Amino acid sequence: MRVPRNSGRRQTLPQNMPGAWARLVTELRALKDRRGLNLADLASATAISKSSWERYLNGKQFPPLYAVQALCQVVKEGETECVGLWKLADAAWGRRGHSLTPRGSTSSPEQPKGRGVWHALLLAASRPVNSHPKTTAAVVALICAAMLVPAALIHAARTSAASPSAMRPPVCRLQACEGRNPRTTACEDPVTLAKHTAADGTRLEIRVSPSCRAGWIRAWPTHAGFRLEISGPQAHAQRTADTGRSADQQLITTKMIAAPSPSHLRACYYPARSAPGEECFSGGD
């Protein structure tokens, strides 16, 4: 077993971390260590900075979902379990369903601050209920509205900020994306530009990320010996050759290519070395 080269830099997780968050970070560390990866390895493989991985794996910053998925895809294991842990940790981190009691604490949650003030106000407002019921009902309704509206606004803001689909800047654009794996670069807004079904039944798509301004080919089902190639103006052609089957439901993608003019991208499919010929289509088809 390889010893992680950065094991000496590991820090103890903060004691006030929610338990679900700590379990997520512990599992991510274990996956990284089993592959003998250091922070520089992760940065190179995922296009997420070394400093970001240091913060994620030492509990200094809550890891986004795309970073969790990228690590699992690099080590080729644990994605289902880690996504489940991330959802639990995300709920705890955003105070959306789990207590933020520090790990190891068995004490009951602290009462919310200000509870005594509101309680006193409600009691004071309820005293004249017998003599002025309509006025009292109106006052109580205003107090409840004053409490609920800010809470709803805060919840909506936290939900939007913590959502996996919240807008994030792309990690690469155009030529900077060339040769990278579209599944690990946070180019998460792909659209299908063109489709083609080959004579042997293989389905092919030209996919483009508008934010990254990069494209790639997606093909399935695949078989032994096929080849794919995507090319375009002002870009280096990307090729893939596979002699076996993909473990991801027979889904294959090429590396990314710069797509300043997506309609000019050209995809070609070569069925097998023993079967000469090609089937090509473009983004403008």
Protein backbone atom coordinates (compact mmCIF):
# COMPACT_ATOMS: atom_id res chain seq x y z
CA MET A 1 0.00 0.00 0.00
CA ARG A 2 1.34 3.43 -0.89
CA VAL A 3 1.82 5.89 1.97
CA PRO A 4 0.22 9.30 1.25
CA ARG A 5 3.00 11.76 0.52
CA ASN A 6 1.24 14.60 2.34
CA SER A 7 0.22 12.63 5.44
CA GLY A 8 2.41 14.89 7.60
CA ARG A 9 0.30 17.94 6.72
CA ARG A 10 -2.98 16.43 7.92
CA GLN A 11 -4.69 18.45 10.62
CA THR A 12 -7.09 17.37 13.32
CA LEU A 13 -10.68 18.21 12.40
CA PRO A 14 -12.28 21.08 14.37
CA GLN A 15 -14.17 19.86 17.43
CA ASN A 16 -17.20 22.03 16.64
CA MET A 17 -17.82 20.43 13.24
CA PRO A 18 -21.25 18.79 12.83
CA GLY A 19 -20.93 15.02 12.98
CA ALA A 20 -22.26 14.52 9.43
CA TRP A 21 -19.69 16.95 8.02
CA ALA A 22 -16.87 15.23 9.93
CA ARG A 23 -17.94 11.79 8.61
CA LEU A 24 -17.91 13.14 5.05
CA VAL A 25 -14.40 14.59 5.39
CA THR A 26 -13.14 11.41 7.07
CA GLU A 27 -14.43 9.31 4.15
CA LEU A 28 -12.88 11.66 1.57
CA ARG A 29 -9.54 11.43 3.38
CA ALA A 30 -9.75 7.64 3.42
CA LEU A 31 -10.44 7.47 -0.33
CA LYS A 32 -7.50 9.78 -1.05
CA ASP A 33 -5.16 7.84 1.24
CA ARG A 34 -6.05 4.44 -0.25
CA ARG A 35 -4.82 5.73 -3.61
CA GLY A 36 -1.72 7.34 -2.11
CA LEU A 37 -2.65 10.77 -3.49
CA ASN A 38 -1.43 14.11 -2.21
CA LEU A 39 -3.04 17.53 -2.63
CA ALA A 40 -1.02 18.29 -5.76
CA ASP A 41 -2.23 15.02 -7.32
CA LEU A 42 -5.86 15.96 -6.60
CA ALA A 43 -5.40 19.47 -7.99
CA SER A 44 -3.93 18.10 -11.21
CA ALA A 45 -6.58 15.39 -11.65
CA THR A 46 -9.65 17.50 -10.82
CA ALA A 47 -8.73 21.06 -11.90
CA ILE A 48 -9.63 22.18 -8.35
CA SER A 49 -6.81 24.11 -6.67
CA LYS A 50 -4.47 22.57 -4.13
CA SER A 51 -5.40 25.24 -1.56
CA SER A 52 -9.10 24.42 -2.00
CA TRP A 53 -8.47 20.71 -1.36
CA GLU A 54 -6.46 21.63 1.76
CA ARG A 55 -9.45 23.57 3.12
CA TYR A 56 -11.97 20.84 2.19
CA LEU A 57 -9.96 17.97 3.72
CA ASN A 58 -9.05 19.82 6.92
CA GLY A 59 -12.58 20.98 7.72
CA LYS A 60 -11.87 24.66 7.06
CA GLN A 61 -14.44 24.98 4.26
CA PHE A 62 -17.48 22.91 3.39
CA PRO A 63 -16.73 20.94 0.17
CA PRO A 64 -19.11 21.53 -2.77
CA LEU A 65 -20.82 18.53 -4.33
CA TYR A 66 -18.84 18.75 -7.58
CA ALA A 67 -15.56 18.47 -5.61
CA VAL A 68 -16.81 15.36 -3.77
CA GLN A 69 -17.86 13.75 -7.06
CA ALA A 70 -14.57 14.71 -8.73
CA LEU A 71 -12.49 13.00 -6.00
CA CYS A 72 -14.61 9.84 -6.18
CA GLN A 73 -14.25 9.74 -9.97
CA VAL A 74 -10.47 10.10 -9.69
CA VAL A 75 -10.18 7.18 -7.25
CA LYS A 76 -12.95 5.25 -9.08
CA GLU A 77 -14.92 4.30 -5.97
CA GLY A 78 -17.27 5.53 -3.27
CA GLU A 79 -19.32 8.07 -5.22
CA THR A 80 -22.76 6.81 -4.13
CA GLU A 81 -21.76 6.68 -0.46
CA CYS A 82 -20.02 10.06 -0.55
CA VAL A 83 -22.95 11.80 -2.24
CA GLY A 84 -25.22 10.41 0.48
CA LEU A 85 -22.85 11.66 3.20
CA TRP A 86 -22.63 15.04 1.45
CA LYS A 87 -26.43 15.46 1.49
CA LEU A 88 -26.55 14.78 5.23
CA ALA A 89 -23.60 17.11 5.87
CA ASP A 90 -25.11 19.81 3.63
CA ALA A 91 -28.32 19.70 5.63
CA ALA A 92 -26.39 20.02 8.91
CA TRP A 93 -24.10 22.76 7.59
CA GLY A 94 -27.02 24.81 6.30
CA ARG A 95 -29.17 24.22 9.45
CA ARG A 96 -31.77 22.56 7.23
CA GLY A 97 -32.77 19.48 9.18
CA HIS A 98 -29.84 18.52 11.43
CA SER A 99 -28.53 19.88 14.71
CA LEU A 100 -25.19 21.69 14.75
CA THR A 101 -24.28 20.25 18.18
CA PRO A 102 -20.47 19.69 18.28
CA ARG A 103 -19.23 16.14 17.78
CA GLY A 104 -19.20 14.08 20.96
CA SER A 105 -21.65 16.38 22.77
CA THR A 106 -24.67 14.77 24.39
CA SER A 107 -26.16 17.95 25.82
CA SER A 108 -29.52 19.17 24.64
CA PRO A 109 -29.55 21.95 22.02
CA GLU A 110 -29.19 25.45 23.40
CA GLN A 111 -32.41 27.43 23.48
CA PRO A 112 -32.57 30.07 20.72
CA LYS A 113 -31.50 33.50 21.85
CA GLY A 114 -34.27 36.05 22.18
CA ARG A 115 -36.89 33.47 23.07
CA GLY A 116 -37.64 35.22 26.39
CA VAL A 117 -38.19 38.58 24.67
CA TRP A 118 -40.75 37.21 22.19
CA HIS A 119 -42.41 35.18 24.91
CA ALA A 120 -42.83 38.30 27.05
CA LEU A 121 -44.21 40.27 24.11
CA LEU A 122 -46.77 37.58 23.31
CA LEU A 123 -47.85 37.39 26.94
CA ALA A 124 -48.22 41.16 27.11
CA ALA A 125 -50.24 41.18 23.91
CA SER A 126 -52.52 38.42 25.18
CA ARG A 127 -53.56 40.17 28.40
CA PRO A 128 -56.20 42.45 26.88
CA VAL A 129 -57.67 39.63 24.78
CA ASN A 130 -60.86 39.51 26.77
CA SER A 131 -61.60 43.23 26.52
CA HIS A 132 -60.30 43.89 22.99
CA PRO A 133 -60.29 40.58 21.04
CA LYS A 134 -60.18 42.08 17.52
CA THR A 135 -57.35 44.46 18.33
CA THR A 136 -55.41 41.71 20.08
CA ALA A 137 -55.81 39.35 17.11
CA ALA A 138 -54.44 42.01 14.77
CA VAL A 139 -51.42 42.65 17.01
CA VAL A 140 -50.65 38.93 17.28
CA ALA A 141 -50.87 38.56 13.50
CA LEU A 142 -48.41 41.42 13.00
CA ILE A 143 -45.97 39.92 15.50
CA CYS A 144 -46.14 36.52 13.80
CA ALA A 145 -45.57 38.10 10.40
CA ALA A 146 -42.56 40.00 11.77
CA MET A 147 -41.11 36.68 12.97
CA LEU A 148 -41.89 34.51 9.93
CA VAL A 149 -41.01 36.77 7.00
CA PRO A 150 -37.31 37.29 7.93
CA ALA A 151 -36.97 33.59 8.72
CA ALA A 152 -38.37 32.66 5.31
CA LEU A 153 -36.00 35.08 3.55
CA ILE A 154 -32.97 33.72 5.43
CA HIS A 155 -33.98 30.11 4.65
CA ALA A 156 -34.40 30.91 0.94
CA ALA A 157 -31.00 32.62 0.82
CA ARG A 158 -29.25 29.69 2.54
CA THR A 159 -30.98 27.14 0.33
CA SER A 160 -29.91 28.98 -2.81
CA ALA A 161 -26.30 29.41 -1.63
CA ALA A 162 -25.90 25.78 -0.52
CA SER A 163 -27.68 24.22 -3.49
CA PRO A 164 -25.48 21.96 -5.67
CA SER A 165 -26.91 23.71 -8.71
CA ALA A 166 -25.95 27.21 -7.48
CA MET A 167 -23.96 29.11 -10.09
CA ARG A 168 -20.20 28.58 -9.88
CA PRO A 169 -17.54 30.06 -12.11
CA PRO A 170 -16.10 27.54 -14.61
CA VAL A 171 -12.67 26.15 -13.76
CA CYS A 172 -11.51 26.45 -17.37
CA ARG A 173 -12.49 28.06 -20.66
CA LEU A 174 -11.67 27.41 -24.34
CA GLN A 175 -8.07 26.16 -24.83
CA ALA A 176 -7.58 25.83 -21.04
CA CYS A 177 -10.18 23.02 -21.11
CA GLU A 178 -8.54 21.01 -23.88
CA GLY A 179 -7.57 17.49 -22.89
CA ARG A 180 -9.54 17.60 -19.62
CA ASN A 181 -12.24 15.20 -18.51
CA PRO A 182 -15.67 16.90 -18.73
CA ARG A 183 -16.85 14.89 -15.71
CA THR A 184 -14.27 16.37 -13.32
CA THR A 185 -13.99 20.02 -14.40
CA ALA A 186 -17.31 21.45 -13.08
CA CYS A 187 -18.48 22.18 -16.64
CA GLU A 188 -21.91 21.19 -15.36
CA ASP A 189 -24.17 23.05 -17.82
CA PRO A 190 -23.81 20.88 -20.96
CA VAL A 191 -26.26 20.99 -23.84
CA THR A 192 -26.56 18.49 -26.68
CA LEU A 193 -25.60 20.24 -29.89
CA ALA A 194 -26.10 17.37 -32.36
CA LYS A 195 -26.99 13.66 -32.36
CA HIS A 196 -26.18 10.77 -34.67
CA THR A 197 -26.95 7.05 -34.64
CA ALA A 198 -24.26 4.97 -36.37
CA ALA A 199 -25.00 2.05 -38.67
CA ASP A 200 -24.12 -0.42 -35.89
CA GLY A 201 -26.56 1.23 -33.48
CA THR A 202 -24.04 3.24 -31.48
CA ARG A 203 -25.54 6.58 -30.42
CA LEU A 204 -23.34 9.65 -30.47
CA GLU A 205 -23.80 13.22 -29.25
CA ILE A 206 -21.77 16.40 -29.51
CA ARG A 207 -21.99 18.00 -26.06
CA VAL A 208 -21.05 21.63 -25.35
CA SER A 209 -20.66 23.58 -22.10
CA PRO A 210 -21.63 27.25 -22.73
CA SER A 211 -19.86 28.47 -19.58
CA CYS A 212 -16.61 26.62 -20.34
CA ARG A 213 -16.97 27.13 -24.11
CA ALA A 214 -15.73 23.59 -24.65
CA GLY A 215 -17.19 20.48 -26.29
CA TRP A 216 -16.80 16.71 -26.34
CA ILE A 217 -18.37 13.52 -27.75
CA ARG A 218 -20.56 11.21 -25.69
CA ALA A 219 -21.24 7.72 -27.06
CA TRP A 220 -23.14 4.59 -25.96
CA PRO A 221 -23.48 1.65 -26.05
CA THR A 222 -19.85 0.95 -26.94
CA HIS A 223 -17.99 -2.15 -28.04
CA ALA A 224 -14.42 -3.33 -28.40
CA GLY A 225 -12.19 -1.63 -30.95
CA PHE A 226 -14.16 1.56 -31.66
CA ARG A 227 -12.57 5.04 -31.95
CA LEU A 228 -13.92 8.58 -31.55
CA GLU A 229 -12.51 11.91 -32.70
CA ILE A 230 -13.74 15.47 -32.19
CA SER A 231 -12.16 18.41 -34.00
CA GLY A 232 -12.84 22.05 -34.68
CA PRO A 233 -11.28 25.35 -35.75
CA GLN A 234 -8.71 26.91 -33.42
CA ALA A 235 -8.54 23.70 -31.39
CA HIS A 236 -6.51 20.52 -31.09
CA ALA A 237 -8.40 17.38 -32.09
CA GLN A 238 -9.22 14.99 -29.23
CA ARG A 239 -9.32 11.24 -29.82
CA THR A 240 -10.23 8.20 -27.79
CA ALA A 241 -9.73 4.51 -28.50
CA ASP A 242 -11.18 1.77 -26.35
CA THR A 243 -10.66 -1.97 -26.53
CA GLY A 244 -13.07 -2.87 -23.76
CA ARG A 245 -16.34 -1.77 -22.26
CA SER A 246 -17.00 1.14 -19.93
CA ALA A 247 -18.09 0.39 -16.37
CA ASP A 248 -20.38 3.43 -16.44
CA GLN A 249 -23.29 1.80 -18.27
CA GLN A 250 -21.12 1.51 -21.41
CA LEU A 251 -20.90 5.32 -21.63
CA ILE A 252 -17.75 6.82 -23.17
CA THR A 253 -16.70 10.47 -23.51
CA THR A 254 -13.75 12.07 -25.23
CA LYS A 255 -11.60 14.69 -23.59
CA MET A 256 -12.75 18.30 -24.05
CA ILE A 257 -11.90 20.54 -26.97
CA ALA A 258 -12.13 24.33 -27.25
CA ALA A 259 -15.39 25.39 -28.90
CA PRO A 260 -15.31 29.11 -29.82
CA SER A 261 -17.74 28.24 -32.64
CA PRO A 262 -19.74 25.19 -31.45
CA SER A 263 -21.56 24.73 -34.76
CA HIS A 264 -18.18 24.10 -36.44
CA LEU A 265 -17.28 21.14 -34.21
CA ARG A 266 -16.97 17.85 -36.13
CA ALA A 267 -17.39 14.38 -34.61
CA CYS A 268 -16.23 11.17 -36.29
CA TYR A 269 -16.91 7.55 -35.31
CA TYR A 270 -14.70 4.65 -36.43
CA PRO A 271 -16.47 1.31 -35.74
CA ALA A 272 -13.37 -0.94 -35.55
CA ARG A 273 -9.86 -1.38 -36.90
CA SER A 274 -11.04 -4.36 -38.93
CA ALA A 275 -13.95 -2.39 -40.41
CA PRO A 276 -12.56 0.57 -42.37
CA GLY A 277 -14.66 3.64 -42.78
CA GLU A 278 -15.98 6.49 -40.69
CA GLU A 279 -19.24 8.20 -39.85
CA CYS A 280 -18.96 11.95 -39.23
CA PHE A 281 -21.39 14.73 -38.34
CA SER A 282 -21.03 18.35 -37.23
CA GLY A 283 -22.46 20.66 -34.60
CA GLY A 284 -24.46 22.41 -37.26
CA ASP A 285 -26.30 19.26 -38.36
